[in-house]
């Protein structure tokens, strides 16, 4: 049964895409649309509409992500010197865990029933480009892990500091230069991940483009719509903070909402 989308001035006409990922025509067809600064609120509104229509599927993906959050916490308690690396890794794999929400929204737009089996079949067809993109993201994570280890080599005489020693850094109980270095690296990597992944995974899922095309298009979309994308990044951070404050429980709902909203951001900015 086809569901009606909520009206939004920021959403282009919706139809599935199918194109050869490496053809020159594919690059020429990709147009970046300009959206209003307040567009993220429309994306959240549309995401809430999707959640109400398909609560079971959405909450399943949210529960899986919550489980990943708890696993990250457990690993961080056992290996506190890599806590930032684990959290960064969780943020890197987030778009992949949200793929179910992207595919559910895509199925609805195409007038198809929401089906996990159909979603898995489509992901299987996209496996090459999804895997290549995962490798790129893994390299970013590996770079952060190495930089994190280097940071602790500067701060500590061992690579195994206590959790109390690590948690002293964000509270200022460390040398200012180390704290500034820590924050600068974290901000730079967070910015890199956001710019390169803002719409990359939804685009790969939708059009099966190669990772470089997806990353380039994502960077173009962020650059052209930097006021809206800055607000969108702030919304993601704020909602993620709510999830952390509730020990991950709120992420059961927040995560699929962010997933659906990310899909709508892709559809609003790329044609």
C-alpha atoms as a PDB file:
ATOM      1  CA  UNK A   1       0.000   0.000   0.000  1.00  0.00           C
ATOM      2  CA  UNK A   2       1.376   3.404  -0.910  1.00  0.00           C
ATOM      3  CA  UNK A   3       1.590   5.917   1.939  1.00  0.00           C
ATOM      4  CA  UNK A   4       1.282   9.665   1.492  1.00  0.00           C
ATOM      5  CA  UNK A   5       4.363  11.726   2.230  1.00  0.00           C
ATOM      6  CA  UNK A   6       3.937  14.817   4.409  1.00  0.00           C
ATOM      7  CA  UNK A   7       4.161  18.014   2.360  1.00  0.00           C
ATOM      8  CA  UNK A   8       7.566  19.626   2.312  1.00  0.00           C
ATOM      9  CA  UNK A   9       8.982  22.345   0.098  1.00  0.00           C
ATOM     10  CA  UNK A  10      12.441  20.847   0.460  1.00  0.00           C
ATOM     11  CA  UNK A  11      11.712  17.448  -1.048  1.00  0.00           C
ATOM     12  CA  UNK A  12      12.118  16.982  -4.813  1.00  0.00           C
ATOM     13  CA  UNK A  13       9.943  14.651  -6.818  1.00  0.00           C
ATOM     14  CA  UNK A  14      10.540  11.133  -5.566  1.00  0.00           C
ATOM     15  CA  UNK A  15      11.355   8.233  -7.834  1.00  0.00           C
ATOM     16  CA  UNK A  16      13.841   5.386  -7.676  1.00  0.00           C
ATOM     17  CA  UNK A  17      17.154   5.767  -9.473  1.00  0.00           C
ATOM     18  CA  UNK A  18      19.018   3.176 -11.437  1.00  0.00           C
ATOM     19  CA  UNK A  19      22.183   4.016 -13.309  1.00  0.00           C
ATOM     20  CA  UNK A  20      25.572   2.587 -14.024  1.00  0.00           C
ATOM     21  CA  UNK A  21      27.782   3.736 -11.130  1.00  0.00           C
ATOM     22  CA  UNK A  22      30.805   4.607 -13.212  1.00  0.00           C
ATOM     23  CA  UNK A  23      29.263   6.033 -16.363  1.00  0.00           C
ATOM     24  CA  UNK A  24      30.054   9.678 -17.273  1.00  0.00           C
ATOM     25  CA  UNK A  25      26.327  10.288 -17.677  1.00  0.00           C
ATOM     26  CA  UNK A  26      25.822   9.434 -14.017  1.00  0.00           C
ATOM     27  CA  UNK A  27      28.246  12.182 -12.960  1.00  0.00           C
ATOM     28  CA  UNK A  28      26.549  14.688 -15.272  1.00  0.00           C
ATOM     29  CA  UNK A  29      23.075  13.845 -13.951  1.00  0.00           C
ATOM     30  CA  UNK A  30      23.927  14.486 -10.311  1.00  0.00           C
ATOM     31  CA  UNK A  31      22.660  17.958  -9.451  1.00  0.00           C
ATOM     32  CA  UNK A  32      22.942  19.505  -6.002  1.00  0.00           C
ATOM     33  CA  UNK A  33      19.811  21.354  -4.936  1.00  0.00           C
ATOM     34  CA  UNK A  34      19.760  24.355  -2.616  1.00  0.00           C
ATOM     35  CA  UNK A  35      17.647  23.939   0.515  1.00  0.00           C
ATOM     36  CA  UNK A  36      16.510  26.355   3.190  1.00  0.00           C
ATOM     37  CA  UNK A  37      18.518  26.689   6.378  1.00  0.00           C
ATOM     38  CA  UNK A  38      15.576  25.255   8.312  1.00  0.00           C
ATOM     39  CA  UNK A  39      15.337  22.201   6.041  1.00  0.00           C
ATOM     40  CA  UNK A  40      16.596  19.801   8.779  1.00  0.00           C
ATOM     41  CA  UNK A  41      13.373  20.410  10.699  1.00  0.00           C
ATOM     42  CA  UNK A  42      11.393  19.284   7.634  1.00  0.00           C
ATOM     43  CA  UNK A  43      13.576  16.188   7.406  1.00  0.00           C
ATOM     44  CA  UNK A  44      12.899  15.358  11.054  1.00  0.00           C
ATOM     45  CA  UNK A  45       9.171  15.909  10.526  1.00  0.00           C
ATOM     46  CA  UNK A  46       9.162  13.575   7.525  1.00  0.00           C
ATOM     47  CA  UNK A  47      11.179  11.036   9.523  1.00  0.00           C
ATOM     48  CA  UNK A  48       8.619  11.056  12.332  1.00  0.00           C
ATOM     49  CA  UNK A  49       5.927  10.412   9.718  1.00  0.00           C
ATOM     50  CA  UNK A  50       7.901   7.407   8.437  1.00  0.00           C
ATOM     51  CA  UNK A  51       8.350   6.123  11.982  1.00  0.00           C
ATOM     52  CA  UNK A  52       4.618   6.229  12.636  1.00  0.00           C
ATOM     53  CA  UNK A  53       3.919   4.295   9.441  1.00  0.00           C
ATOM     54  CA  UNK A  54       6.524   1.568  10.070  1.00  0.00           C
ATOM     55  CA  UNK A  55       7.207   1.463  13.818  1.00  0.00           C
ATOM     56  CA  UNK A  56       8.196  -2.217  14.035  1.00  0.00           C
ATOM     57  CA  UNK A  57      10.941  -2.054  11.406  1.00  0.00           C
ATOM     58  CA  UNK A  58      12.226   1.294  12.663  1.00  0.00           C
ATOM     59  CA  UNK A  59      12.414   0.231  16.304  1.00  0.00           C
ATOM     60  CA  UNK A  60      14.212  -2.969  15.315  1.00  0.00           C
ATOM     61  CA  UNK A  61      17.017  -0.938  13.736  1.00  0.00           C
ATOM     62  CA  UNK A  62      17.025   1.347  16.757  1.00  0.00           C
ATOM     63  CA  UNK A  63      17.356  -1.638  19.098  1.00  0.00           C
ATOM     64  CA  UNK A  64      20.301  -2.974  17.076  1.00  0.00           C
ATOM     65  CA  UNK A  65      22.071   0.373  17.322  1.00  0.00           C
ATOM     66  CA  UNK A  66      21.363   0.566  21.040  1.00  0.00           C
ATOM     67  CA  UNK A  67      22.990  -2.846  21.393  1.00  0.00           C
ATOM     68  CA  UNK A  68      26.010  -1.509  19.507  1.00  0.00           C
ATOM     69  CA  UNK A  69      26.122   1.453  21.917  1.00  0.00           C
ATOM     70  CA  UNK A  70      26.165  -0.844  24.938  1.00  0.00           C
ATOM     71  CA  UNK A  71      28.890  -2.954  23.342  1.00  0.00           C
ATOM     72  CA  UNK A  72      30.925   0.207  22.761  1.00  0.00           C
ATOM     73  CA  UNK A  73      30.507   1.149  26.414  1.00  0.00           C
ATOM     74  CA  UNK A  74      31.614  -2.293  27.570  1.00  0.00           C
ATOM     75  CA  UNK A  75      34.699  -2.182  25.341  1.00  0.00           C
ATOM     76  CA  UNK A  76      35.520   1.319  26.539  1.00  0.00           C
ATOM     77  CA  UNK A  77      35.443   0.226  30.180  1.00  0.00           C
ATOM     78  CA  UNK A  78      37.844  -2.621  29.385  1.00  0.00           C
ATOM     79  CA  UNK A  79      40.136  -0.566  27.117  1.00  0.00           C
ATOM     80  CA  UNK A  80      39.738   3.028  28.338  1.00  0.00           C
ATOM     81  CA  UNK A  81      42.675   4.381  26.340  1.00  0.00           C
ATOM     82  CA  UNK A  82      40.690   3.658  23.159  1.00  0.00           C
ATOM     83  CA  UNK A  83      37.366   5.059  24.339  1.00  0.00           C
ATOM     84  CA  UNK A  84      37.372   7.853  21.751  1.00  0.00           C
ATOM     85  CA  UNK A  85      38.351   5.407  19.033  1.00  0.00           C
ATOM     86  CA  UNK A  86      35.452   3.131  19.976  1.00  0.00           C
ATOM     87  CA  UNK A  87      32.989   6.017  19.991  1.00  0.00           C
ATOM     88  CA  UNK A  88      34.342   7.233  16.655  1.00  0.00           C
ATOM     89  CA  UNK A  89      33.969   3.739  15.261  1.00  0.00           C
ATOM     90  CA  UNK A  90      30.364   3.642  16.436  1.00  0.00           C
ATOM     91  CA  UNK A  91      29.681   6.907  14.630  1.00  0.00           C
ATOM     92  CA  UNK A  92      31.370   5.575  11.499  1.00  0.00           C
ATOM     93  CA  UNK A  93      29.270   2.419  11.339  1.00  0.00           C
ATOM     94  CA  UNK A  94      26.106   4.317  12.213  1.00  0.00           C
ATOM     95  CA  UNK A  95      25.232   5.047   8.565  1.00  0.00           C
ATOM     96  CA  UNK A  96      25.531   1.326   7.795  1.00  0.00           C
ATOM     97  CA  UNK A  97      23.267   0.349  10.667  1.00  0.00           C
ATOM     98  CA  UNK A  98      20.824   2.996   9.390  1.00  0.00           C
ATOM     99  CA  UNK A  99      20.747   1.382   5.944  1.00  0.00           C
ATOM    100  CA  UNK A 100      17.563  -0.420   6.928  1.00  0.00           C
ATOM    101  CA  UNK A 101      15.846   2.923   7.464  1.00  0.00           C
ATOM    102  CA  UNK A 102      17.143   4.235   4.125  1.00  0.00           C
ATOM    103  CA  UNK A 103      15.801   1.189   2.318  1.00  0.00           C
ATOM    104  CA  UNK A 104      12.446   1.319   4.106  1.00  0.00           C
ATOM    105  CA  UNK A 105      12.018   4.953   3.050  1.00  0.00           C
ATOM    106  CA  UNK A 106      13.088   4.080  -0.498  1.00  0.00           C
ATOM    107  CA  UNK A 107      10.545   1.256  -0.664  1.00  0.00           C
ATOM    108  CA  UNK A 108       7.774   3.544   0.516  1.00  0.00           C
ATOM    109  CA  UNK A 109       8.645   6.167  -2.093  1.00  0.00           C
ATOM    110  CA  UNK A 110       8.487   3.510  -4.797  1.00  0.00           C
ATOM    111  CA  UNK A 111       5.069   2.389  -3.568  1.00  0.00           C
ATOM    112  CA  UNK A 112       6.424  -0.957  -2.398  1.00  0.00           C
ATOM    113  CA  UNK A 113       5.702  -2.702   0.920  1.00  0.00           C
ATOM    114  CA  UNK A 114       8.458  -2.337   3.497  1.00  0.00           C
ATOM    115  CA  UNK A 115      10.320  -5.644   3.412  1.00  0.00           C
ATOM    116  CA  UNK A 116      13.536  -6.653   5.161  1.00  0.00           C
ATOM    117  CA  UNK A 117      14.032  -9.491   2.662  1.00  0.00           C
ATOM    118  CA  UNK A 118      13.806  -7.089  -0.297  1.00  0.00           C
ATOM    119  CA  UNK A 119      16.127  -4.686   1.493  1.00  0.00           C
ATOM    120  CA  UNK A 120      18.733  -7.407   1.998  1.00  0.00           C
ATOM    121  CA  UNK A 121      18.450  -8.393  -1.669  1.00  0.00           C
ATOM    122  CA  UNK A 122      19.113  -4.791  -2.732  1.00  0.00           C
ATOM    123  CA  UNK A 123      22.042  -4.506  -0.340  1.00  0.00           C
ATOM    124  CA  UNK A 124      23.479  -7.686  -1.859  1.00  0.00           C
ATOM    125  CA  UNK A 125      23.323  -6.027  -5.276  1.00  0.00           C
ATOM    126  CA  UNK A 126      25.141  -2.984  -3.848  1.00  0.00           C
ATOM    127  CA  UNK A 127      27.714  -4.985  -1.898  1.00  0.00           C
ATOM    128  CA  UNK A 128      30.772  -3.980  -3.936  1.00  0.00           C
ATOM    129  CA  UNK A 129      30.361  -0.230  -3.581  1.00  0.00           C
ATOM    130  CA  UNK A 130      29.157  -0.557   0.016  1.00  0.00           C
ATOM    131  CA  UNK A 131      32.252  -2.621   0.856  1.00  0.00           C
ATOM    132  CA  UNK A 132      34.603  -0.149  -0.830  1.00  0.00           C
ATOM    133  CA  UNK A 133      33.028   2.724   1.072  1.00  0.00           C
ATOM    134  CA  UNK A 134      33.377   0.723   4.294  1.00  0.00           C
ATOM    135  CA  UNK A 135      37.097   0.335   3.600  1.00  0.00           C
ATOM    136  CA  UNK A 136      37.477   4.105   3.239  1.00  0.00           C
ATOM    137  CA  UNK A 137      35.628   4.683   6.507  1.00  0.00           C
ATOM    138  CA  UNK A 138      37.719   1.971   8.198  1.00  0.00           C
ATOM    139  CA  UNK A 139      40.897   3.761   7.115  1.00  0.00           C
ATOM    140  CA  UNK A 140      39.617   6.939   8.725  1.00  0.00           C
ATOM    141  CA  UNK A 141      38.878   5.022  11.903  1.00  0.00           C
ATOM    142  CA  UNK A 142      42.327   3.395  11.822  1.00  0.00           C
ATOM    143  CA  UNK A 143      43.936   6.823  11.472  1.00  0.00           C
ATOM    144  CA  UNK A 144      42.015   8.022  14.522  1.00  0.00           C
ATOM    145  CA  UNK A 145      43.042   4.964  16.529  1.00  0.00           C
ATOM    146  CA  UNK A 146      46.703   5.602  15.727  1.00  0.00           C
ATOM    147  CA  UNK A 147      46.416   9.314  16.547  1.00  0.00           C
ATOM    148  CA  UNK A 148      44.625   8.441  19.771  1.00  0.00           C
ATOM    149  CA  UNK A 149      47.463   6.086  20.742  1.00  0.00           C
ATOM    150  CA  UNK A 150      50.004   8.796  19.898  1.00  0.00           C
ATOM    151  CA  UNK A 151      48.139  11.260  22.070  1.00  0.00           C
ATOM    152  CA  UNK A 152      48.271   8.932  25.047  1.00  0.00           C
ATOM    153  CA  UNK A 153      51.947   8.273  24.375  1.00  0.00           C
ATOM    154  CA  UNK A 154      52.450  12.010  24.867  1.00  0.00           C
ATOM    155  CA  UNK A 155      50.286  12.164  27.973  1.00  0.00           C
ATOM    156  CA  UNK A 156      51.160   8.870  29.688  1.00  0.00           C
ATOM    157  CA  UNK A 157      54.270   6.745  30.095  1.00  0.00           C
ATOM    158  CA  UNK A 158      52.223   3.632  29.194  1.00  0.00           C
ATOM    159  CA  UNK A 159      49.634   2.779  26.579  1.00  0.00           C
ATOM    160  CA  UNK A 160      47.322   1.480  29.311  1.00  0.00           C
ATOM    161  CA  UNK A 161      46.179   4.443  31.449  1.00  0.00           C
ATOM    162  CA  UNK A 162      43.350   4.071  33.959  1.00  0.00           C
ATOM    163  CA  UNK A 163      39.847   5.190  33.090  1.00  0.00           C
ATOM    164  CA  UNK A 164      40.241   7.942  35.704  1.00  0.00           C
ATOM    165  CA  UNK A 165      43.366   9.196  33.960  1.00  0.00           C
ATOM    166  CA  UNK A 166      41.599   9.285  30.599  1.00  0.00           C
ATOM    167  CA  UNK A 167      38.468  10.977  31.909  1.00  0.00           C
ATOM    168  CA  UNK A 168      40.634  13.686  33.406  1.00  0.00           C
ATOM    169  CA  UNK A 169      41.382  15.039  29.940  1.00  0.00           C
ATOM    170  CA  UNK A 170      37.965  16.491  29.030  1.00  0.00           C
ATOM    171  CA  UNK A 171      37.653  17.981  32.550  1.00  0.00           C
ATOM    172  CA  UNK A 172      40.878  19.894  32.032  1.00  0.00           C
ATOM    173  CA  UNK A 173      43.014  17.786  34.385  1.00  0.00           C
ATOM    174  CA  UNK A 174      45.832  17.589  31.877  1.00  0.00           C
ATOM    175  CA  UNK A 175      48.298  19.801  30.044  1.00  0.00           C
ATOM    176  CA  UNK A 176      46.496  22.472  27.974  1.00  0.00           C
ATOM    177  CA  UNK A 177      48.512  21.687  24.846  1.00  0.00           C
ATOM    178  CA  UNK A 178      47.490  18.009  25.015  1.00  0.00           C
ATOM    179  CA  UNK A 179      43.841  18.918  25.548  1.00  0.00           C
ATOM    180  CA  UNK A 180      43.874  21.343  22.606  1.00  0.00           C
ATOM    181  CA  UNK A 181      45.584  18.711  20.458  1.00  0.00           C
ATOM    182  CA  UNK A 182      42.966  16.157  21.484  1.00  0.00           C
ATOM    183  CA  UNK A 183      40.032  18.471  20.662  1.00  0.00           C
ATOM    184  CA  UNK A 184      41.570  19.609  17.366  1.00  0.00           C
ATOM    185  CA  UNK A 185      42.058  16.056  16.111  1.00  0.00           C
ATOM    186  CA  UNK A 186      38.570  15.050  17.233  1.00  0.00           C
ATOM    187  CA  UNK A 187      36.956  18.044  15.535  1.00  0.00           C
ATOM    188  CA  UNK A 188      38.909  17.562  12.313  1.00  0.00           C
ATOM    189  CA  UNK A 189      38.030  13.887  12.047  1.00  0.00           C
ATOM    190  CA  UNK A 190      34.386  14.482  12.985  1.00  0.00           C
ATOM    191  CA  UNK A 191      34.169  17.174  10.307  1.00  0.00           C
ATOM    192  CA  UNK A 192      35.807  14.892   7.747  1.00  0.00           C
ATOM    193  CA  UNK A 193      33.433  12.042   8.519  1.00  0.00           C
ATOM    194  CA  UNK A 194      30.366  14.288   8.349  1.00  0.00           C
ATOM    195  CA  UNK A 195      31.340  15.948   5.059  1.00  0.00           C
ATOM    196  CA  UNK A 196      32.197  12.653   3.376  1.00  0.00           C
ATOM    197  CA  UNK A 197      29.246  10.674   4.705  1.00  0.00           C
ATOM    198  CA  UNK A 198      26.365  13.153   5.059  1.00  0.00           C
ATOM    199  CA  UNK A 199      24.512  11.622   2.101  1.00  0.00           C
ATOM    200  CA  UNK A 200      27.043   9.108   0.756  1.00  0.00           C
ATOM    201  CA  UNK A 201      25.495   5.866   2.008  1.00  0.00           C
ATOM    202  CA  UNK A 202      21.925   6.775   0.987  1.00  0.00           C
ATOM    203  CA  UNK A 203      23.260   7.639  -2.465  1.00  0.00           C
ATOM    204  CA  UNK A 204      25.082   4.316  -2.788  1.00  0.00           C
ATOM    205  CA  UNK A 205      21.954   2.480  -1.647  1.00  0.00           C
ATOM    206  CA  UNK A 206      19.771   4.413  -4.077  1.00  0.00           C
ATOM    207  CA  UNK A 207      21.951   4.633  -7.194  1.00  0.00           C
ATOM    208  CA  UNK A 208      24.774   2.126  -6.618  1.00  0.00           C
ATOM    209  CA  UNK A 209      27.394   4.771  -7.404  1.00  0.00           C
ATOM    210  CA  UNK A 210      31.043   4.170  -6.596  1.00  0.00           C
ATOM    211  CA  UNK A 211      32.329   5.467  -3.221  1.00  0.00           C
ATOM    212  CA  UNK A 212      34.360   8.326  -4.698  1.00  0.00           C
ATOM    213  CA  UNK A 213      31.301   9.654  -6.517  1.00  0.00           C
ATOM    214  CA  UNK A 214      29.237   9.348  -3.337  1.00  0.00           C
ATOM    215  CA  UNK A 215      31.876  11.108  -1.223  1.00  0.00           C
ATOM    216  CA  UNK A 216      32.339  13.864  -3.804  1.00  0.00           C
ATOM    217  CA  UNK A 217      28.591  14.399  -4.072  1.00  0.00           C
ATOM    218  CA  UNK A 218      28.271  14.465  -0.282  1.00  0.00           C
ATOM    219  CA  UNK A 219      30.991  17.118  -0.037  1.00  0.00           C
ATOM    220  CA  UNK A 220      29.271  19.167  -2.757  1.00  0.00           C
ATOM    221  CA  UNK A 221      25.939  18.942  -0.969  1.00  0.00           C
ATOM    222  CA  UNK A 222      27.479  20.059   2.321  1.00  0.00           C
ATOM    223  CA  UNK A 223      29.377  22.908   0.646  1.00  0.00           C
ATOM    224  CA  UNK A 224      26.356  24.273  -1.220  1.00  0.00           C
ATOM    225  CA  UNK A 225      24.040  23.929   1.758  1.00  0.00           C
ATOM    226  CA  UNK A 226      26.471  24.644   4.589  1.00  0.00           C
ATOM    227  CA  UNK A 227      23.959  26.641   6.728  1.00  0.00           C
ATOM    228  CA  UNK A 228      21.406  23.814   6.612  1.00  0.00           C
ATOM    229  CA  UNK A 229      24.084  21.143   6.997  1.00  0.00           C
ATOM    230  CA  UNK A 230      25.602  22.951   9.984  1.00  0.00           C
ATOM    231  CA  UNK A 231      22.180  22.987  11.616  1.00  0.00           C
ATOM    232  CA  UNK A 232      21.715  19.328  10.663  1.00  0.00           C
ATOM    233  CA  UNK A 233      25.027  18.402  12.281  1.00  0.00           C
ATOM    234  CA  UNK A 234      23.988  20.286  15.433  1.00  0.00           C
ATOM    235  CA  UNK A 235      20.656  18.415  15.494  1.00  0.00           C
ATOM    236  CA  UNK A 236      22.491  15.083  15.176  1.00  0.00           C
ATOM    237  CA  UNK A 237      24.849  16.002  18.017  1.00  0.00           C
ATOM    238  CA  UNK A 238      21.974  17.196  20.226  1.00  0.00           C
ATOM    239  CA  UNK A 239      19.838  14.092  19.670  1.00  0.00           C
ATOM    240  CA  UNK A 240      22.860  11.843  20.149  1.00  0.00           C
ATOM    241  CA  UNK A 241      23.553  13.624  23.451  1.00  0.00           C
ATOM    242  CA  UNK A 242      19.997  12.834  24.534  1.00  0.00           C
ATOM    243  CA  UNK A 243      20.614   9.198  23.643  1.00  0.00           C
ATOM    244  CA  UNK A 244      23.834   9.124  25.679  1.00  0.00           C
ATOM    245  CA  UNK A 245      22.126  10.814  28.634  1.00  0.00           C
ATOM    246  CA  UNK A 246      19.538   8.007  28.689  1.00  0.00           C
ATOM    247  CA  UNK A 247      22.254   5.319  28.576  1.00  0.00           C
ATOM    248  CA  UNK A 248      21.382   4.581  24.971  1.00  0.00           C
ATOM    249  CA  UNK A 249      17.742   3.701  25.625  1.00  0.00           C
ATOM    250  CA  UNK A 250      16.392   6.736  23.757  1.00  0.00           C
ATOM    251  CA  UNK A 251      18.478   5.717  20.736  1.00  0.00           C
ATOM    252  CA  UNK A 252      15.889   2.995  20.057  1.00  0.00           C
ATOM    253  CA  UNK A 253      13.696   5.827  18.729  1.00  0.00           C
ATOM    254  CA  UNK A 254      16.279   8.506  17.925  1.00  0.00           C
ATOM    255  CA  UNK A 255      18.400   6.311  15.673  1.00  0.00           C
ATOM    256  CA  UNK A 256      15.692   5.363  13.140  1.00  0.00           C
ATOM    257  CA  UNK A 257      14.450   8.961  13.153  1.00  0.00           C
ATOM    258  CA  UNK A 258      17.956  10.161  12.251  1.00  0.00           C
ATOM    259  CA  UNK A 259      18.154   7.408   9.620  1.00  0.00           C
ATOM    260  CA  UNK A 260      14.900   8.413   7.953  1.00  0.00           C
ATOM    261  CA  UNK A 261      15.835  12.093   8.196  1.00  0.00           C
ATOM    262  CA  UNK A 262      19.200  11.394   6.556  1.00  0.00           C
ATOM    263  CA  UNK A 263      17.379   9.757   3.662  1.00  0.00           C
ATOM    264  CA  UNK A 264      15.160  12.827   3.301  1.00  0.00           C
ATOM    265  CA  UNK A 265      18.235  15.081   3.412  1.00  0.00           C
ATOM    266  CA  UNK A 266      19.678  13.083   0.508  1.00  0.00           C
ATOM    267  CA  UNK A 267      16.444  13.306  -1.494  1.00  0.00           C
ATOM    268  CA  UNK A 268      16.168  17.021  -0.785  1.00  0.00           C
ATOM    269  CA  UNK A 269      19.717  17.910  -1.862  1.00  0.00           C
ATOM    270  CA  UNK A 270      20.546  15.485  -4.686  1.00  0.00           C
ATOM    271  CA  UNK A 271      18.751  14.971  -7.984  1.00  0.00           C
END
